[in-house]
Structures are given as structure tokens and as C-alpha cells.
Amino acid sequence: MAVIKEVNIDGRPVKFMASARTPRIYRQKFGRDIMVDMKSLSDRFKDLEGTDGQLSVLDLTIFENLAYVMAKQADDSIPNTIDEWLDEFSTFDIYEVFPELMDLWKMNKAGLSQAKKK
């Protein structure tokens, strides 16, 4: 069961989707484990909370990859490259969007857990 969430980015609504297929898409596109990357990025956000610290280039890349996969999964009309998709925005605040994507991921995982219990 897929979960869809709409997030306001740069003054417009953008849909994101998470499902059992999301890790596979992420792995095929980027050769990385979405679970490891989500945990790493979540931990990094917690470490930076309340500080003037900055995310690394790798952290930003992981975020962009996550956001793109979830957005493309929700809306197939999104461009076929991350660069083209990001060019559609003048601003993209990772500190506002990432918590929304984490919530979406958690809702998806909760749905999968409930389905297994049935």
C-alpha cells in the first residue's frame, strides 16, 4: 500500500510517494541502500539540531536523491533527471522538506507493519 503526501515547495504543492517499491527504485537508480541513507541523514539532522552546523555535500546529495525518487514515484510527469527537476524550483529548503519525507517514510513503514500483522 503506497502512501502519498503533498509538501509545499517554493510556493507550490509537490506530491511524494513511498511504497514497498521505493527502496528498489532507489537502489536501481543510485546503487545505494535507502534504509542506510535515511538513517544516516536522520541522525545527521539530529546532530545538527540547535547548532550552526551544515550538512555535507554527501548529505545534500542523499536528500536530493530521496526527494527525487519519492516525487517521481508520485508523479511520472516529473523530468527524468534530478537536475531538470531541481531546476523547476528557485528554492528547496531541505530543513523543511526532509522532516516531511521522514514522516512519509514512517507512515509507509507503519502501513507495511500493519499489513504483516493481519
PDB file of N, CA and C in Angstrom:
ATOM      1  N   MET A   1       0.838  -1.175   0.000  1.00  0.00           N
ATOM      2  CA  MET A   1       0.000   0.000   0.000  1.00  0.00           C
ATOM      3  C   MET A   1       0.884   1.239   0.000  1.00  0.00           C
ATOM      4  N   ALA A   2       0.750   2.061  -0.991  1.00  0.00           N
ATOM      5  CA  ALA A   2       1.536   3.279  -1.122  1.00  0.00           C
ATOM      6  C   ALA A   2       0.940   4.392  -0.266  1.00  0.00           C
ATOM      7  N   VAL A   3       1.819   5.265   0.201  1.00  0.00           N
ATOM      8  CA  VAL A   3       1.416   6.427   0.970  1.00  0.00           C
ATOM      9  C   VAL A   3       1.869   7.657   0.192  1.00  0.00           C
ATOM     10  N   ILE A   4       0.974   8.623   0.031  1.00  0.00           N
ATOM     11  CA  ILE A   4       1.279   9.851  -0.704  1.00  0.00           C
ATOM     12  C   ILE A   4       1.110  11.040   0.229  1.00  0.00           C
ATOM     13  N   LYS A   5       2.023  11.981   0.105  1.00  0.00           N
ATOM     14  CA  LYS A   5       1.978  13.196   0.918  1.00  0.00           C
ATOM     15  C   LYS A   5       2.309  14.370   0.015  1.00  0.00           C
ATOM     16  N   GLU A   6       1.590  15.463   0.205  1.00  0.00           N
ATOM     17  CA  GLU A   6       1.842  16.667  -0.570  1.00  0.00           C
ATOM     18  C   GLU A   6       2.593  17.671   0.309  1.00  0.00           C
ATOM     19  N   VAL A   7       3.669  18.231  -0.217  1.00  0.00           N
ATOM     20  CA  VAL A   7       4.506  19.172   0.509  1.00  0.00           C
ATOM     21  C   VAL A   7       4.635  20.435  -0.321  1.00  0.00           C
ATOM     22  N   ASN A   8       4.535  21.583   0.337  1.00  0.00           N
ATOM     23  CA  ASN A   8       4.679  22.857  -0.352  1.00  0.00           C
ATOM     24  C   ASN A   8       6.162  23.175  -0.501  1.00  0.00           C
ATOM     25  N   ILE A   9       6.600  23.298  -1.741  1.00  0.00           N
ATOM     26  CA  ILE A   9       7.988  23.655  -2.037  1.00  0.00           C
ATOM     27  C   ILE A   9       7.975  24.835  -2.990  1.00  0.00           C
ATOM     28  N   ASP A  10       8.653  25.890  -2.599  1.00  0.00           N
ATOM     29  CA  ASP A  10       8.771  27.067  -3.448  1.00  0.00           C
ATOM     30  C   ASP A  10       7.393  27.595  -3.858  1.00  0.00           C
ATOM     31  N   GLY A  11       6.439  27.514  -2.938  1.00  0.00           N
ATOM     32  CA  GLY A  11       5.111  28.058  -3.187  1.00  0.00           C
ATOM     33  C   GLY A  11       4.176  27.189  -3.997  1.00  0.00           C
ATOM     34  N   ARG A  12       4.559  25.946  -4.223  1.00  0.00           N
ATOM     35  CA  ARG A  12       3.651  25.067  -4.973  1.00  0.00           C
ATOM     36  C   ARG A  12       3.625  23.671  -4.358  1.00  0.00           C
ATOM     37  N   PRO A  13       2.499  22.984  -4.513  1.00  0.00           N
ATOM     38  CA  PRO A  13       2.395  21.638  -3.949  1.00  0.00           C
ATOM     39  C   PRO A  13       3.169  20.617  -4.783  1.00  0.00           C
ATOM     40  N   VAL A  14       3.905  19.760  -4.088  1.00  0.00           N
ATOM     41  CA  VAL A  14       4.652  18.684  -4.737  1.00  0.00           C
ATOM     42  C   VAL A  14       4.266  17.393  -4.027  1.00  0.00           C
ATOM     43  N   LYS A  15       3.863  16.393  -4.791  1.00  0.00           N
ATOM     44  CA  LYS A  15       3.492  15.106  -4.216  1.00  0.00           C
ATOM     45  C   LYS A  15       4.717  14.206  -4.097  1.00  0.00           C
ATOM     46  N   PHE A  16       4.756  13.468  -2.994  1.00  0.00           N
ATOM     47  CA  PHE A  16       5.786  12.473  -2.749  1.00  0.00           C
ATOM     48  C   PHE A  16       5.093  11.167  -2.402  1.00  0.00           C
ATOM     49  N   MET A  17       5.704  10.062  -2.777  1.00  0.00           N
ATOM     50  CA  MET A  17       5.104   8.761  -2.535  1.00  0.00           C
ATOM     51  C   MET A  17       6.146   7.802  -1.987  1.00  0.00           C
ATOM     52  N   ALA A  18       5.705   6.970  -1.053  1.00  0.00           N
ATOM     53  CA  ALA A  18       6.557   5.901  -0.532  1.00  0.00           C
ATOM     54  C   ALA A  18       5.761   4.608  -0.572  1.00  0.00           C
ATOM     55  N   SER A  19       6.412   3.551  -0.992  1.00  0.00           N
ATOM     56  CA  SER A  19       5.773   2.242  -1.058  1.00  0.00           C
ATOM     57  C   SER A  19       6.850   1.173  -0.882  1.00  0.00           C
ATOM     58  N   ALA A  20       6.442  -0.063  -0.936  1.00  0.00           N
ATOM     59  CA  ALA A  20       7.398  -1.170  -0.843  1.00  0.00           C
ATOM     60  C   ALA A  20       8.380  -1.142  -2.015  1.00  0.00           C
ATOM     61  N   ARG A  21       8.013  -0.499  -3.093  1.00  0.00           N
ATOM     62  CA  ARG A  21       8.866  -0.431  -4.282  1.00  0.00           C
ATOM     63  C   ARG A  21       9.930   0.668  -4.191  1.00  0.00           C
ATOM     64  N   THR A  22       9.750   1.634  -3.290  1.00  0.00           N
ATOM     65  CA  THR A  22      10.665   2.770  -3.186  1.00  0.00           C
ATOM     66  C   THR A  22      12.119   2.344  -2.974  1.00  0.00           C
ATOM     67  N   PRO A  23      12.412   1.427  -2.034  1.00  0.00           N
ATOM     68  CA  PRO A  23      13.821   1.022  -1.867  1.00  0.00           C
ATOM     69  C   PRO A  23      14.428   0.409  -3.130  1.00  0.00           C
ATOM     70  N   ARG A  24      13.619  -0.326  -3.872  1.00  0.00           N
ATOM     71  CA  ARG A  24      14.105  -0.951  -5.112  1.00  0.00           C
ATOM     72  C   ARG A  24      14.442   0.110  -6.155  1.00  0.00           C
ATOM     73  N   ILE A  25      13.557   1.078  -6.316  1.00  0.00           N
ATOM     74  CA  ILE A  25      13.806   2.161  -7.279  1.00  0.00           C
ATOM     75  C   ILE A  25      15.081   2.908  -6.899  1.00  0.00           C
ATOM     76  N   TYR A  26      15.207   3.232  -5.629  1.00  0.00           N
ATOM     77  CA  TYR A  26      16.365   3.964  -5.121  1.00  0.00           C
ATOM     78  C   TYR A  26      17.652   3.168  -5.373  1.00  0.00           C
ATOM     79  N   ARG A  27      17.617   1.890  -5.057  1.00  0.00           N
ATOM     80  CA  ARG A  27      18.791   1.022  -5.248  1.00  0.00           C
ATOM     81  C   ARG A  27      19.157   0.923  -6.729  1.00  0.00           C
ATOM     82  N   GLN A  28      18.157   0.762  -7.605  1.00  0.00           N
ATOM     83  CA  GLN A  28      18.427   0.639  -9.037  1.00  0.00           C
ATOM     84  C   GLN A  28      18.989   1.941  -9.609  1.00  0.00           C
ATOM     85  N   LYS A  29      18.452   3.064  -9.158  1.00  0.00           N
ATOM     86  CA  LYS A  29      18.862   4.354  -9.711  1.00  0.00           C
ATOM     87  C   LYS A  29      20.213   4.818  -9.176  1.00  0.00           C
ATOM     88  N   PHE A  30      20.475   4.576  -7.883  1.00  0.00           N
ATOM     89  CA  PHE A  30      21.665   5.144  -7.261  1.00  0.00           C
ATOM     90  C   PHE A  30      22.655   4.116  -6.718  1.00  0.00           C
ATOM     91  N   GLY A  31      22.280   2.834  -6.723  1.00  0.00           N
ATOM     92  CA  GLY A  31      23.174   1.798  -6.220  1.00  0.00           C
ATOM     93  C   GLY A  31      23.435   1.905  -4.731  1.00  0.00           C
ATOM     94  N   ARG A  32      22.483   2.459  -4.008  1.00  0.00           N
ATOM     95  CA  ARG A  32      22.637   2.665  -2.563  1.00  0.00           C
ATOM     96  C   ARG A  32      21.421   2.096  -1.841  1.00  0.00           C
ATOM     97  N   ASP A  33      21.580   1.872  -0.542  1.00  0.00           N
ATOM     98  CA  ASP A  33      20.515   1.341   0.302  1.00  0.00           C
ATOM     99  C   ASP A  33      19.747   2.508   0.933  1.00  0.00           C
ATOM    100  N   ILE A  34      18.478   2.633   0.599  1.00  0.00           N
ATOM    101  CA  ILE A  34      17.677   3.748   1.098  1.00  0.00           C
ATOM    102  C   ILE A  34      17.557   3.720   2.618  1.00  0.00           C
ATOM    103  N   MET A  35      17.503   2.532   3.198  1.00  0.00           N
ATOM    104  CA  MET A  35      17.370   2.428   4.653  1.00  0.00           C
ATOM    105  C   MET A  35      18.602   3.014   5.346  1.00  0.00           C
ATOM    106  N   VAL A  36      19.765   2.671   4.849  1.00  0.00           N
ATOM    107  CA  VAL A  36      21.016   3.181   5.410  1.00  0.00           C
ATOM    108  C   VAL A  36      21.089   4.695   5.222  1.00  0.00           C
ATOM    109  N   ASP A  37      20.740   5.170   4.031  1.00  0.00           N
ATOM    110  CA  ASP A  37      20.816   6.602   3.749  1.00  0.00           C
ATOM    111  C   ASP A  37      19.815   7.404   4.575  1.00  0.00           C
ATOM    112  N   MET A  38      18.594   6.898   4.725  1.00  0.00           N
ATOM    113  CA  MET A  38      17.585   7.593   5.534  1.00  0.00           C
ATOM    114  C   MET A  38      18.049   7.679   6.987  1.00  0.00           C
ATOM    115  N   LYS A  39      18.583   6.597   7.511  1.00  0.00           N
ATOM    116  CA  LYS A  39      19.054   6.578   8.902  1.00  0.00           C
ATOM    117  C   LYS A  39      20.210   7.553   9.079  1.00  0.00           C
ATOM    118  N   SER A  40      21.141   7.534   8.157  1.00  0.00           N
ATOM    119  CA  SER A  40      22.300   8.417   8.215  1.00  0.00           C
ATOM    120  C   SER A  40      21.879   9.878   8.187  1.00  0.00           C
ATOM    121  N   LEU A  41      20.983  10.213   7.276  1.00  0.00           N
ATOM    122  CA  LEU A  41      20.531  11.593   7.139  1.00  0.00           C
ATOM    123  C   LEU A  41      19.707  12.024   8.351  1.00  0.00           C
ATOM    124  N   SER A  42      18.886  11.145   8.853  1.00  0.00           N
ATOM    125  CA  SER A  42      18.099  11.439  10.044  1.00  0.00           C
ATOM    126  C   SER A  42      19.017  11.699  11.247  1.00  0.00           C
ATOM    127  N   ASP A  43      20.029  10.856  11.412  1.00  0.00           N
ATOM    128  CA  ASP A  43      20.992  11.041  12.502  1.00  0.00           C
ATOM    129  C   ASP A  43      21.728  12.367  12.357  1.00  0.00           C
ATOM    130  N   ARG A  44      22.093  12.697  11.135  1.00  0.00           N
ATOM    131  CA  ARG A  44      22.817  13.959  10.879  1.00  0.00           C
ATOM    132  C   ARG A  44      21.938  15.155  11.228  1.00  0.00           C
ATOM    133  N   PHE A  45      20.655  15.098  10.889  1.00  0.00           N
ATOM    134  CA  PHE A  45      19.724  16.172  11.244  1.00  0.00           C
ATOM    135  C   PHE A  45      19.652  16.328  12.761  1.00  0.00           C
ATOM    136  N   LYS A  46      19.575  15.214  13.477  1.00  0.00           N
ATOM    137  CA  LYS A  46      19.521  15.265  14.948  1.00  0.00           C
ATOM    138  C   LYS A  46      20.800  15.877  15.507  1.00  0.00           C
ATOM    139  N   ASP A  47      21.950  15.505  14.949  1.00  0.00           N
ATOM    140  CA  ASP A  47      23.229  16.042  15.408  1.00  0.00           C
ATOM    141  C   ASP A  47      23.313  17.556  15.210  1.00  0.00           C
ATOM    142  N   LEU A  48      22.726  18.056  14.142  1.00  0.00           N
ATOM    143  CA  LEU A  48      22.814  19.479  13.814  1.00  0.00           C
ATOM    144  C   LEU A  48      21.742  20.321  14.488  1.00  0.00           C
ATOM    145  N   GLU A  49      20.730  19.682  15.034  1.00  0.00           N
ATOM    146  CA  GLU A  49      19.615  20.411  15.642  1.00  0.00           C
ATOM    147  C   GLU A  49      20.132  21.355  16.727  1.00  0.00           C
ATOM    148  N   GLY A  50      19.756  22.619  16.601  1.00  0.00           N
ATOM    149  CA  GLY A  50      20.141  23.620  17.586  1.00  0.00           C
ATOM    150  C   GLY A  50      21.571  24.116  17.450  1.00  0.00           C
ATOM    151  N   THR A  51      22.244  23.748  16.361  1.00  0.00           N
ATOM    152  CA  THR A  51      23.614  24.216  16.132  1.00  0.00           C
ATOM    153  C   THR A  51      23.655  25.028  14.849  1.00  0.00           C
ATOM    154  N   ASP A  52      24.804  25.611  14.579  1.00  0.00           N
ATOM    155  CA  ASP A  52      25.010  26.336  13.320  1.00  0.00           C
ATOM    156  C   ASP A  52      25.686  25.450  12.282  1.00  0.00           C
ATOM    157  N   GLY A  53      25.741  24.144  12.550  1.00  0.00           N
ATOM    158  CA  GLY A  53      26.395  23.208  11.654  1.00  0.00           C
ATOM    159  C   GLY A  53      25.712  23.119  10.302  1.00  0.00           C
ATOM    160  N   GLN A  54      26.438  22.600   9.353  1.00  0.00           N
ATOM    161  CA  GLN A  54      25.952  22.463   7.985  1.00  0.00           C
ATOM    162  C   GLN A  54      25.946  20.998   7.574  1.00  0.00           C
ATOM    163  N   LEU A  55      25.038  20.671   6.687  1.00  0.00           N
ATOM    164  CA  LEU A  55      25.039  19.335   6.093  1.00  0.00           C
ATOM    165  C   LEU A  55      26.181  19.240   5.081  1.00  0.00           C
ATOM    166  N   SER A  56      26.726  18.054   4.937  1.00  0.00           N
ATOM    167  CA  SER A  56      27.801  17.845   3.971  1.00  0.00           C
ATOM    168  C   SER A  56      27.217  17.748   2.564  1.00  0.00           C
ATOM    169  N   VAL A  57      28.090  17.790   1.584  1.00  0.00           N
ATOM    170  CA  VAL A  57      27.673  17.630   0.191  1.00  0.00           C
ATOM    171  C   VAL A  57      27.032  16.251   0.007  1.00  0.00           C
ATOM    172  N   LEU A  58      27.595  15.234   0.648  1.00  0.00           N
ATOM    173  CA  LEU A  58      27.010  13.891   0.563  1.00  0.00           C
ATOM    174  C   LEU A  58      25.604  13.873   1.156  1.00  0.00           C
ATOM    175  N   ASP A  59      25.417  14.533   2.310  1.00  0.00           N
ATOM    176  CA  ASP A  59      24.090  14.610   2.924  1.00  0.00           C
ATOM    177  C   ASP A  59      23.086  15.262   1.964  1.00  0.00           C
ATOM    178  N   LEU A  60      23.488  16.352   1.354  1.00  0.00           N
ATOM    179  CA  LEU A  60      22.603  17.055   0.414  1.00  0.00           C
ATOM    180  C   LEU A  60      22.279  16.186  -0.799  1.00  0.00           C
ATOM    181  N   THR A  61      23.267  15.473  -1.292  1.00  0.00           N
ATOM    182  CA  THR A  61      23.055  14.580  -2.438  1.00  0.00           C
ATOM    183  C   THR A  61      22.076  13.467  -2.081  1.00  0.00           C
ATOM    184  N   ILE A  62      22.260  12.884  -0.909  1.00  0.00           N
ATOM    185  CA  ILE A  62      21.343  11.828  -0.457  1.00  0.00           C
ATOM    186  C   ILE A  62      19.925  12.380  -0.364  1.00  0.00           C
ATOM    187  N   PHE A  63      19.773  13.560   0.230  1.00  0.00           N
ATOM    188  CA  PHE A  63      18.446  14.174   0.330  1.00  0.00           C
ATOM    189  C   PHE A  63      17.833  14.383  -1.053  1.00  0.00           C
ATOM    190  N   GLU A  64      18.599  14.971  -1.960  1.00  0.00           N
ATOM    191  CA  GLU A  64      18.080  15.220  -3.307  1.00  0.00           C
ATOM    192  C   GLU A  64      17.658  13.909  -3.980  1.00  0.00           C
ATOM    193  N   ASN A  65      18.448  12.857  -3.819  1.00  0.00           N
ATOM    194  CA  ASN A  65      18.120  11.551  -4.392  1.00  0.00           C
ATOM    195  C   ASN A  65      16.832  10.993  -3.799  1.00  0.00           C
ATOM    196  N   LEU A  66      16.700  11.070  -2.468  1.00  0.00           N
ATOM    197  CA  LEU A  66      15.484  10.593  -1.797  1.00  0.00           C
ATOM    198  C   LEU A  66      14.258  11.359  -2.270  1.00  0.00           C
ATOM    199  N   ALA A  67      14.378  12.677  -2.253  1.00  0.00           N
ATOM    200  CA  ALA A  67      13.244  13.516  -2.646  1.00  0.00           C
ATOM    201  C   ALA A  67      12.839  13.232  -4.089  1.00  0.00           C
ATOM    202  N   TYR A  68      13.826  13.124  -4.963  1.00  0.00           N
ATOM    203  CA  TYR A  68      13.529  12.884  -6.375  1.00  0.00           C
ATOM    204  C   TYR A  68      12.810  11.551  -6.583  1.00  0.00           C
ATOM    205  N   VAL A  69      13.324  10.487  -5.988  1.00  0.00           N
ATOM    206  CA  VAL A  69      12.707   9.169  -6.160  1.00  0.00           C
ATOM    207  C   VAL A  69      11.260   9.187  -5.664  1.00  0.00           C
ATOM    208  N   MET A  70      11.032   9.785  -4.511  1.00  0.00           N
ATOM    209  CA  MET A  70       9.676   9.815  -3.953  1.00  0.00           C
ATOM    210  C   MET A  70       8.743  10.711  -4.765  1.00  0.00           C
ATOM    211  N   ALA A  71       9.276  11.804  -5.308  1.00  0.00           N
ATOM    212  CA  ALA A  71       8.455  12.685  -6.138  1.00  0.00           C
ATOM    213  C   ALA A  71       8.141  12.035  -7.490  1.00  0.00           C
ATOM    214  N   LYS A  72       9.138  11.442  -8.103  1.00  0.00           N
ATOM    215  CA  LYS A  72       8.960  10.782  -9.405  1.00  0.00           C
ATOM    216  C   LYS A  72       7.982   9.609  -9.287  1.00  0.00           C
ATOM    217  N   GLN A  73       8.050   8.915  -8.154  1.00  0.00           N
ATOM    218  CA  GLN A  73       7.137   7.796  -7.940  1.00  0.00           C
ATOM    219  C   GLN A  73       5.691   8.289  -7.837  1.00  0.00           C
ATOM    220  N   ALA A  74       5.505   9.482  -7.274  1.00  0.00           N
ATOM    221  CA  ALA A  74       4.158  10.042  -7.111  1.00  0.00           C
ATOM    222  C   ALA A  74       3.640  10.688  -8.384  1.00  0.00           C
ATOM    223  N   ASP A  75       4.559  11.177  -9.229  1.00  0.00           N
ATOM    224  CA  ASP A  75       4.145  11.932 -10.419  1.00  0.00           C
ATOM    225  C   ASP A  75       5.101  11.619 -11.564  1.00  0.00           C
ATOM    226  N   ASP A  76       4.680  10.772 -12.464  1.00  0.00           N
ATOM    227  CA  ASP A  76       5.550  10.328 -13.565  1.00  0.00           C
ATOM    228  C   ASP A  76       5.861  11.446 -14.566  1.00  0.00           C
ATOM    229  N   SER A  77       5.152  12.577 -14.492  1.00  0.00           N
ATOM    230  CA  SER A  77       5.429  13.679 -15.420  1.00  0.00           C
ATOM    231  C   SER A  77       6.667  14.479 -15.000  1.00  0.00           C
ATOM    232  N   ILE A  78       7.217  14.171 -13.833  1.00  0.00           N
ATOM    233  CA  ILE A  78       8.440  14.834 -13.371  1.00  0.00           C
ATOM    234  C   ILE A  78       9.572  14.471 -14.332  1.00  0.00           C
ATOM    235  N   PRO A  79      10.471  15.420 -14.599  1.00  0.00           N
ATOM    236  CA  PRO A  79      11.586  15.146 -15.522  1.00  0.00           C
ATOM    237  C   PRO A  79      12.366  13.894 -15.127  1.00  0.00           C
ATOM    238  N   ASN A  80      13.064  13.343 -16.094  1.00  0.00           N
ATOM    239  CA  ASN A  80      13.789  12.089 -15.888  1.00  0.00           C
ATOM    240  C   ASN A  80      15.154  12.250 -15.233  1.00  0.00           C
ATOM    241  N   THR A  81      15.569  13.480 -14.931  1.00  0.00           N
ATOM    242  CA  THR A  81      16.822  13.691 -14.203  1.00  0.00           C
ATOM    243  C   THR A  81      16.561  14.585 -12.995  1.00  0.00           C
ATOM    244  N   ILE A  82      17.362  14.387 -11.981  1.00  0.00           N
ATOM    245  CA  ILE A  82      17.253  15.208 -10.769  1.00  0.00           C
ATOM    246  C   ILE A  82      17.545  16.660 -11.097  1.00  0.00           C
ATOM    247  N   ASP A  83      18.566  16.910 -11.909  1.00  0.00           N
ATOM    248  CA  ASP A  83      18.931  18.286 -12.244  1.00  0.00           C
ATOM    249  C   ASP A  83      17.774  19.033 -12.893  1.00  0.00           C
ATOM    250  N   GLU A  84      17.111  18.392 -13.856  1.00  0.00           N
ATOM    251  CA  GLU A  84      15.970  19.035 -14.509  1.00  0.00           C
ATOM    252  C   GLU A  84      14.847  19.301 -13.513  1.00  0.00           C
ATOM    253  N   TRP A  85      14.621  18.353 -12.618  1.00  0.00           N
ATOM    254  CA  TRP A  85      13.566  18.516 -11.617  1.00  0.00           C
ATOM    255  C   TRP A  85      13.900  19.663 -10.669  1.00  0.00           C
ATOM    256  N   LEU A  86      15.121  19.696 -10.157  1.00  0.00           N
ATOM    257  CA  LEU A  86      15.509  20.759  -9.231  1.00  0.00           C
ATOM    258  C   LEU A  86      15.478  22.134  -9.890  1.00  0.00           C
ATOM    259  N   ASP A  87      15.739  22.182 -11.194  1.00  0.00           N
ATOM    260  CA  ASP A  87      15.679  23.458 -11.917  1.00  0.00           C
ATOM    261  C   ASP A  87      14.272  24.053 -11.943  1.00  0.00           C
ATOM    262  N   GLU A  88      13.266  23.260 -11.621  1.00  0.00           N
ATOM    263  CA  GLU A  88      11.899  23.761 -11.585  1.00  0.00           C
ATOM    264  C   GLU A  88      11.634  24.649 -10.362  1.00  0.00           C
ATOM    265  N   PHE A  89      12.551  24.655  -9.401  1.00  0.00           N
ATOM    266  CA  PHE A  89      12.379  25.398  -8.156  1.00  0.00           C
ATOM    267  C   PHE A  89      13.426  26.498  -8.047  1.00  0.00           C
ATOM    268  N   SER A  90      13.029  27.619  -7.436  1.00  0.00           N
ATOM    269  CA  SER A  90      14.035  28.647  -7.146  1.00  0.00           C
ATOM    270  C   SER A  90      14.649  28.385  -5.775  1.00  0.00           C
ATOM    271  N   THR A  91      13.859  27.801  -4.862  1.00  0.00           N
ATOM    272  CA  THR A  91      14.372  27.419  -3.547  1.00  0.00           C
ATOM    273  C   THR A  91      13.868  26.020  -3.210  1.00  0.00           C
ATOM    274  N   PHE A  92      14.629  25.334  -2.374  1.00  0.00           N
ATOM    275  CA  PHE A  92      14.263  23.984  -1.966  1.00  0.00           C
ATOM    276  C   PHE A  92      14.880  23.791  -0.594  1.00  0.00           C
ATOM    277  N   ASP A  93      14.130  24.093   0.461  1.00  0.00           N
ATOM    278  CA  ASP A  93      14.666  24.084   1.817  1.00  0.00           C
ATOM    279  C   ASP A  93      14.670  22.672   2.400  1.00  0.00           C
ATOM    280  N   ILE A  94      15.845  22.076   2.440  1.00  0.00           N
ATOM    281  CA  ILE A  94      15.992  20.716   2.951  1.00  0.00           C
ATOM    282  C   ILE A  94      15.497  20.607   4.394  1.00  0.00           C
ATOM    283  N   TYR A  95      15.686  21.664   5.182  1.00  0.00           N
ATOM    284  CA  TYR A  95      15.300  21.631   6.593  1.00  0.00           C
ATOM    285  C   TYR A  95      13.785  21.612   6.780  1.00  0.00           C
ATOM    286  N   GLU A  96      13.039  22.037   5.773  1.00  0.00           N
ATOM    287  CA  GLU A  96      11.580  21.963   5.821  1.00  0.00           C
ATOM    288  C   GLU A  96      11.058  20.688   5.172  1.00  0.00           C
ATOM    289  N   VAL A  97      11.699  20.264   4.105  1.00  0.00           N
ATOM    290  CA  VAL A  97      11.194  19.137   3.318  1.00  0.00           C
ATOM    291  C   VAL A  97      11.595  17.784   3.902  1.00  0.00           C
ATOM    292  N   PHE A  98      12.833  17.644   4.377  1.00  0.00           N
ATOM    293  CA  PHE A  98      13.272  16.337   4.868  1.00  0.00           C
ATOM    294  C   PHE A  98      12.393  15.788   5.986  1.00  0.00           C
ATOM    295  N   PRO A  99      12.016  16.595   6.991  1.00  0.00           N
ATOM    296  CA  PRO A  99      11.127  16.047   8.031  1.00  0.00           C
ATOM    297  C   PRO A  99       9.804  15.523   7.459  1.00  0.00           C
ATOM    298  N   GLU A 100       9.307  16.147   6.416  1.00  0.00           N
ATOM    299  CA  GLU A 100       8.077  15.685   5.761  1.00  0.00           C
ATOM    300  C   GLU A 100       8.306  14.331   5.088  1.00  0.00           C
ATOM    301  N   LEU A 101       9.458  14.181   4.454  1.00  0.00           N
ATOM    302  CA  LEU A 101       9.769  12.902   3.807  1.00  0.00           C
ATOM    303  C   LEU A 101       9.970  11.802   4.842  1.00  0.00           C
ATOM    304  N   MET A 102      10.569  12.146   5.967  1.00  0.00           N
ATOM    305  CA  MET A 102      10.731  11.160   7.045  1.00  0.00           C
ATOM    306  C   MET A 102       9.368  10.721   7.581  1.00  0.00           C
ATOM    307  N   ASP A 103       8.451  11.679   7.745  1.00  0.00           N
ATOM    308  CA  ASP A 103       7.091  11.334   8.185  1.00  0.00           C
ATOM    309  C   ASP A 103       6.422  10.405   7.180  1.00  0.00           C
ATOM    310  N   LEU A 104       6.580  10.707   5.899  1.00  0.00           N
ATOM    311  CA  LEU A 104       6.009   9.874   4.846  1.00  0.00           C
ATOM    312  C   LEU A 104       6.590   8.462   4.928  1.00  0.00           C
ATOM    313  N   TRP A 105       7.906   8.372   5.091  1.00  0.00           N
ATOM    314  CA  TRP A 105       8.568   7.067   5.173  1.00  0.00           C
ATOM    315  C   TRP A 105       8.060   6.288   6.379  1.00  0.00           C
ATOM    316  N   LYS A 106       7.907   6.965   7.515  1.00  0.00           N
ATOM    317  CA  LYS A 106       7.417   6.309   8.733  1.00  0.00           C
ATOM    318  C   LYS A 106       5.979   5.818   8.542  1.00  0.00           C
ATOM    319  N   MET A 107       5.141   6.619   7.867  1.00  0.00           N
ATOM    320  CA  MET A 107       3.755   6.184   7.604  1.00  0.00           C
ATOM    321  C   MET A 107       3.761   4.949   6.718  1.00  0.00           C
ATOM    322  N   ASN A 108       4.646   4.921   5.719  1.00  0.00           N
ATOM    323  CA  ASN A 108       4.757   3.771   4.836  1.00  0.00           C
ATOM    324  C   ASN A 108       5.185   2.533   5.613  1.00  0.00           C
ATOM    325  N   LYS A 109       6.190   2.682   6.467  1.00  0.00           N
ATOM    326  CA  LYS A 109       6.667   1.546   7.265  1.00  0.00           C
ATOM    327  C   LYS A 109       5.588   1.059   8.222  1.00  0.00           C
ATOM    328  N   ALA A 110       4.822   1.973   8.800  1.00  0.00           N
ATOM    329  CA  ALA A 110       3.733   1.589   9.704  1.00  0.00           C
ATOM    330  C   ALA A 110       2.672   0.808   8.938  1.00  0.00           C
ATOM    331  N   GLY A 111       2.379   1.234   7.716  1.00  0.00           N
ATOM    332  CA  GLY A 111       1.413   0.517   6.884  1.00  0.00           C
ATOM    333  C   GLY A 111       1.878  -0.878   6.544  1.00  0.00           C
ATOM    334  N   LEU A 112       3.187  -1.018   6.267  1.00  0.00           N
ATOM    335  CA  LEU A 112       3.732  -2.342   5.967  1.00  0.00           C
ATOM    336  C   LEU A 112       3.677  -3.238   7.194  1.00  0.00           C
ATOM    337  N   SER A 113       3.959  -2.691   8.371  1.00  0.00           N
ATOM    338  CA  SER A 113       3.921  -3.468   9.606  1.00  0.00           C
ATOM    339  C   SER A 113       2.509  -3.958   9.907  1.00  0.00           C
ATOM    340  N   GLN A 114       1.518  -3.084   9.687  1.00  0.00           N
ATOM    341  CA  GLN A 114       0.123  -3.472   9.930  1.00  0.00           C
ATOM    342  C   GLN A 114      -0.303  -4.544   8.953  1.00  0.00           C
ATOM    343  N   ALA A 115       0.136  -4.442   7.711  1.00  0.00           N
ATOM    344  CA  ALA A 115      -0.231  -5.449   6.710  1.00  0.00           C
ATOM    345  C   ALA A 115       0.346  -6.805   7.074  1.00  0.00           C
ATOM    346  N   LYS A 116       1.556  -6.840   7.629  1.00  0.00           N
ATOM    347  CA  LYS A 116       2.190  -8.107   8.007  1.00  0.00           C
ATOM    348  C   LYS A 116       1.460  -8.763   9.175  1.00  0.00           C
ATOM    349  N   LYS A 117       0.884  -7.952  10.081  1.00  0.00           N
ATOM    350  CA  LYS A 117       0.219  -8.478  11.286  1.00  0.00           C
ATOM    351  C   LYS A 117      -1.109  -9.136  10.959  1.00  0.00           C
ATOM    352  N   LYS A 118      -1.710  -8.825   9.837  1.00  0.00           N
ATOM    353  CA  LYS A 118      -3.037  -9.355   9.508  1.00  0.00           C
ATOM    354  C   LYS A 118      -3.035 -10.821   9.259  1.00  0.00           C
TER     355      LYS A 118
END
